[in-house]
Amino acid sequence: MGRANSHKKKIACIESLWDGNIEHRLSVVPMLELTERVKDVGWAYLTCNTEEELRYNLGKLRNRRGYGILYLSCHGRPGELVFDKDTVEIEKLGQFMGDGFATWVVHFGSCATLNIEQVRISRFIAATRVSMVVGYRKDVDWIDSAAIDLLLFDRLQEYKSMHRFWEHFRGRYRDLISLTGLRAFLR
């Protein structure tokens, strides 16, 4: 039995500045609000623009009850998260996370971060004990990624088994997955 009527996973979002415009800031918050209204899914939102902030925020989120999705929303390059002031490789991210996010889903909402060798992702999964890593292997349009992220967060609420989830999601959204370069790795 992989699918459940209500298998809520609160979303912990860490978001960096997207550009220098601090007055009319682009943000994923409206998407989190929509997910909350449609699926009654709670969420926490933290801003992050430096490596030290990332380490601090992950410490605040570690082992939170009811949470199951870590959403890293920032710029990216292959194997890296790009914040306003710093760049963090996934290996260092894994060190910061430790096993405090065991069984969570980690979504890299960042361009091209997962355009790396599978062995690096496998090591990240082994080090953190997360159940699934999902993200983009190429540069992706902001609206396209927002659309698939919204679908991802919605559908994740219905599954206990991440293998079953990905099988269903991949079949249903094949074209959007191809367009965005979304990929998933399961423990």
Protein backbone atom coordinates (compact mmCIF):
# COMPACT_ATOMS: atom_id res chain seq x y z
CA MET A 1 0.00 0.00 0.00
CA GLY A 2 1.81 3.13 -1.20
CA ARG A 3 -0.97 5.65 -1.55
CA ALA A 4 -2.76 7.18 1.44
CA ASN A 5 -5.61 9.67 1.68
CA SER A 6 -3.65 11.79 4.10
CA HIS A 7 0.04 11.30 4.57
CA LYS A 8 0.89 14.88 5.41
CA LYS A 9 4.45 16.03 5.15
CA LYS A 10 5.02 19.61 6.25
CA ILE A 11 7.38 21.57 4.04
CA ALA A 12 10.50 23.26 5.41
CA CYS A 13 11.63 25.85 2.86
CA ILE A 14 14.97 27.62 2.78
CA GLU A 15 15.03 30.35 0.13
CA SER A 16 17.76 32.69 -1.06
CA LEU A 17 17.47 36.02 -2.84
CA TRP A 18 16.79 35.49 -6.54
CA ASP A 19 18.08 38.88 -7.63
CA GLY A 20 19.07 42.24 -6.14
CA ASN A 21 15.52 43.60 -5.98
CA ILE A 22 14.63 43.53 -2.29
CA GLU A 23 11.46 45.64 -2.67
CA HIS A 24 9.62 43.54 -5.26
CA ARG A 25 11.08 40.23 -4.30
CA LEU A 26 10.43 37.06 -6.25
CA SER A 27 9.59 34.27 -3.80
CA VAL A 28 8.12 30.77 -3.54
CA VAL A 29 5.98 31.78 -0.55
CA PRO A 30 2.73 32.11 -2.62
CA MET A 31 3.24 28.52 -3.80
CA LEU A 32 3.64 27.34 -0.20
CA GLU A 33 0.49 29.26 0.74
CA LEU A 34 -1.45 27.61 -2.09
CA THR A 35 -0.26 24.16 -1.01
CA GLU A 36 -1.43 24.96 2.51
CA ARG A 37 -4.85 26.11 1.33
CA VAL A 38 -5.45 23.21 -1.08
CA LYS A 39 -3.94 20.33 0.92
CA ASP A 40 -3.87 21.78 4.45
CA VAL A 41 -0.12 21.25 4.59
CA GLY A 42 1.88 23.23 7.12
CA TRP A 43 5.17 24.85 6.25
CA ALA A 44 8.09 26.79 7.68
CA TYR A 45 9.97 29.40 5.69
CA LEU A 46 13.50 30.63 6.36
CA THR A 47 15.63 32.96 4.26
CA CYS A 48 19.24 32.10 3.63
CA ASN A 49 21.97 33.96 1.80
CA THR A 50 25.20 32.61 3.31
CA GLU A 51 26.74 29.27 4.18
CA GLU A 52 26.55 30.12 7.88
CA GLU A 53 22.83 30.91 7.60
CA LEU A 54 22.31 27.58 5.86
CA ARG A 55 24.04 25.71 8.67
CA TYR A 56 22.03 27.63 11.28
CA ASN A 57 18.68 27.13 9.51
CA LEU A 58 19.25 23.41 9.04
CA GLY A 59 19.96 23.20 12.78
CA LYS A 60 16.62 24.87 13.49
CA LEU A 61 14.77 22.45 11.18
CA ARG A 62 16.57 19.24 12.15
CA ASN A 63 14.30 16.54 13.62
CA ARG A 64 11.14 18.71 13.45
CA ARG A 65 8.02 16.63 14.08
CA GLY A 66 5.53 16.41 11.24
CA TYR A 67 7.95 17.70 8.61
CA GLY A 68 9.01 15.52 5.72
CA ILE A 69 10.05 17.79 2.85
CA LEU A 70 13.12 20.03 2.76
CA TYR A 71 12.72 22.52 -0.09
CA LEU A 72 15.95 24.29 -1.02
CA SER A 73 14.90 27.22 -3.20
CA CYS A 74 17.86 29.11 -4.65
CA HIS A 75 20.12 29.36 -7.66
CA GLY A 76 22.24 26.36 -8.51
CA ARG A 77 25.04 24.87 -10.55
CA PRO A 78 26.00 21.23 -10.98
CA GLY A 79 26.53 19.84 -7.48
CA GLU A 80 26.10 23.23 -5.81
CA LEU A 81 23.58 25.53 -4.21
CA VAL A 82 24.27 29.18 -5.00
CA PHE A 83 23.25 31.71 -2.36
CA ASP A 84 23.58 35.47 -2.51
CA LYS A 85 26.99 35.42 -0.83
CA ASP A 86 28.17 31.80 -0.86
CA THR A 87 28.18 28.54 -2.79
CA VAL A 88 27.67 25.21 -0.98
CA GLU A 89 28.42 21.81 -2.53
CA ILE A 90 26.00 18.97 -1.81
CA GLU A 91 28.67 17.14 0.19
CA LYS A 92 28.92 20.07 2.61
CA LEU A 93 25.12 20.31 2.70
CA GLY A 94 25.07 16.63 3.68
CA GLN A 95 27.50 17.35 6.52
CA PHE A 96 25.31 20.21 7.76
CA MET A 97 22.21 18.00 7.63
CA GLY A 98 23.71 14.90 9.24
CA ASP A 99 20.99 12.36 9.89
CA GLY A 100 18.56 14.95 11.30
CA PHE A 101 16.47 14.70 8.12
CA ALA A 102 16.31 10.91 7.91
CA THR A 103 13.32 9.72 5.82
CA TRP A 104 12.63 13.24 4.51
CA VAL A 105 12.39 14.18 0.83
CA VAL A 106 14.97 16.78 -0.21
CA HIS A 107 13.90 18.91 -3.16
CA PHE A 108 16.59 20.97 -4.83
CA GLY A 109 14.53 23.81 -6.33
CA SER A 110 17.66 25.08 -8.04
CA CYS A 111 18.90 24.98 -11.61
CA ALA A 112 21.24 22.12 -12.61
CA THR A 113 22.21 21.08 -9.06
CA LEU A 114 21.51 17.43 -9.85
CA ASN A 115 23.46 17.46 -13.12
CA ILE A 116 26.18 15.39 -11.46
CA GLU A 117 27.34 11.80 -11.23
CA GLN A 118 24.89 9.48 -9.52
CA VAL A 119 27.60 8.39 -7.08
CA ARG A 120 27.66 11.87 -5.49
CA ILE A 121 23.91 11.78 -5.01
CA SER A 122 24.10 8.23 -3.63
CA ARG A 123 26.71 9.36 -1.10
CA PHE A 124 24.47 12.30 -0.10
CA ILE A 125 21.53 9.94 0.44
CA ALA A 126 23.68 7.52 2.46
CA ALA A 127 25.11 10.32 4.63
CA THR A 128 21.74 11.96 5.35
CA ARG A 129 19.49 8.87 5.24
CA VAL A 130 16.83 10.84 3.32
CA SER A 131 14.23 8.79 1.47
CA MET A 132 14.39 10.71 -1.81
CA VAL A 133 16.35 13.46 -3.52
CA VAL A 134 14.59 15.31 -6.31
CA GLY A 135 15.67 18.31 -8.37
CA TYR A 136 16.74 19.64 -11.72
CA ARG A 137 19.59 18.56 -13.95
CA LYS A 138 19.43 21.63 -16.21
CA ASP A 139 18.61 25.32 -16.11
CA VAL A 140 14.87 25.64 -15.75
CA ASP A 141 12.37 28.42 -16.35
CA TRP A 142 11.05 29.86 -13.06
CA ILE A 143 7.36 29.39 -13.94
CA ASP A 144 7.93 25.85 -15.30
CA SER A 145 9.74 24.86 -12.11
CA ALA A 146 7.06 26.50 -9.93
CA ALA A 147 4.40 24.47 -11.73
CA ILE A 148 6.15 21.14 -11.23
CA ASP A 149 7.16 22.03 -7.66
CA LEU A 150 3.51 22.72 -6.84
CA LEU A 151 2.48 19.38 -8.35
CA LEU A 152 5.31 17.64 -6.52
CA PHE A 153 4.32 19.02 -3.10
CA ASP A 154 0.67 18.22 -3.75
CA ARG A 155 1.22 14.62 -4.83
CA LEU A 156 3.81 13.86 -2.13
CA GLN A 157 1.01 14.25 0.42
CA GLU A 158 -0.70 11.12 -0.94
CA TYR A 159 2.11 8.58 -0.68
CA LYS A 160 4.00 6.76 2.03
CA SER A 161 6.21 4.87 -0.43
CA MET A 162 8.48 7.20 -2.37
CA HIS A 163 9.06 4.46 -4.95
CA ARG A 164 5.33 4.31 -5.66
CA PHE A 165 5.11 8.10 -5.61
CA TRP A 166 7.85 8.51 -8.21
CA GLU A 167 6.43 5.76 -10.42
CA HIS A 168 3.05 7.52 -10.47
CA PHE A 169 4.47 11.05 -10.76
CA ARG A 170 6.86 10.15 -13.58
CA GLY A 171 4.07 8.52 -15.56
CA ARG A 172 1.56 11.30 -15.07
CA TYR A 173 3.87 14.29 -15.69
CA ARG A 174 6.31 12.81 -18.21
CA ASP A 175 6.28 15.87 -20.51
CA LEU A 176 6.80 18.40 -17.73
CA ILE A 177 9.58 16.26 -16.26
CA SER A 178 11.27 16.15 -19.66
CA LEU A 179 10.86 19.91 -20.13
CA THR A 180 12.34 20.80 -16.74
CA GLY A 181 14.95 18.05 -16.41
CA LEU A 182 13.53 16.93 -13.08
CA ARG A 183 15.12 13.78 -11.71
CA ALA A 184 14.66 11.72 -8.59
CA PHE A 185 16.91 9.39 -6.62
CA LEU A 186 15.50 7.01 -4.06
CA ARG A 187 17.08 5.32 -1.06
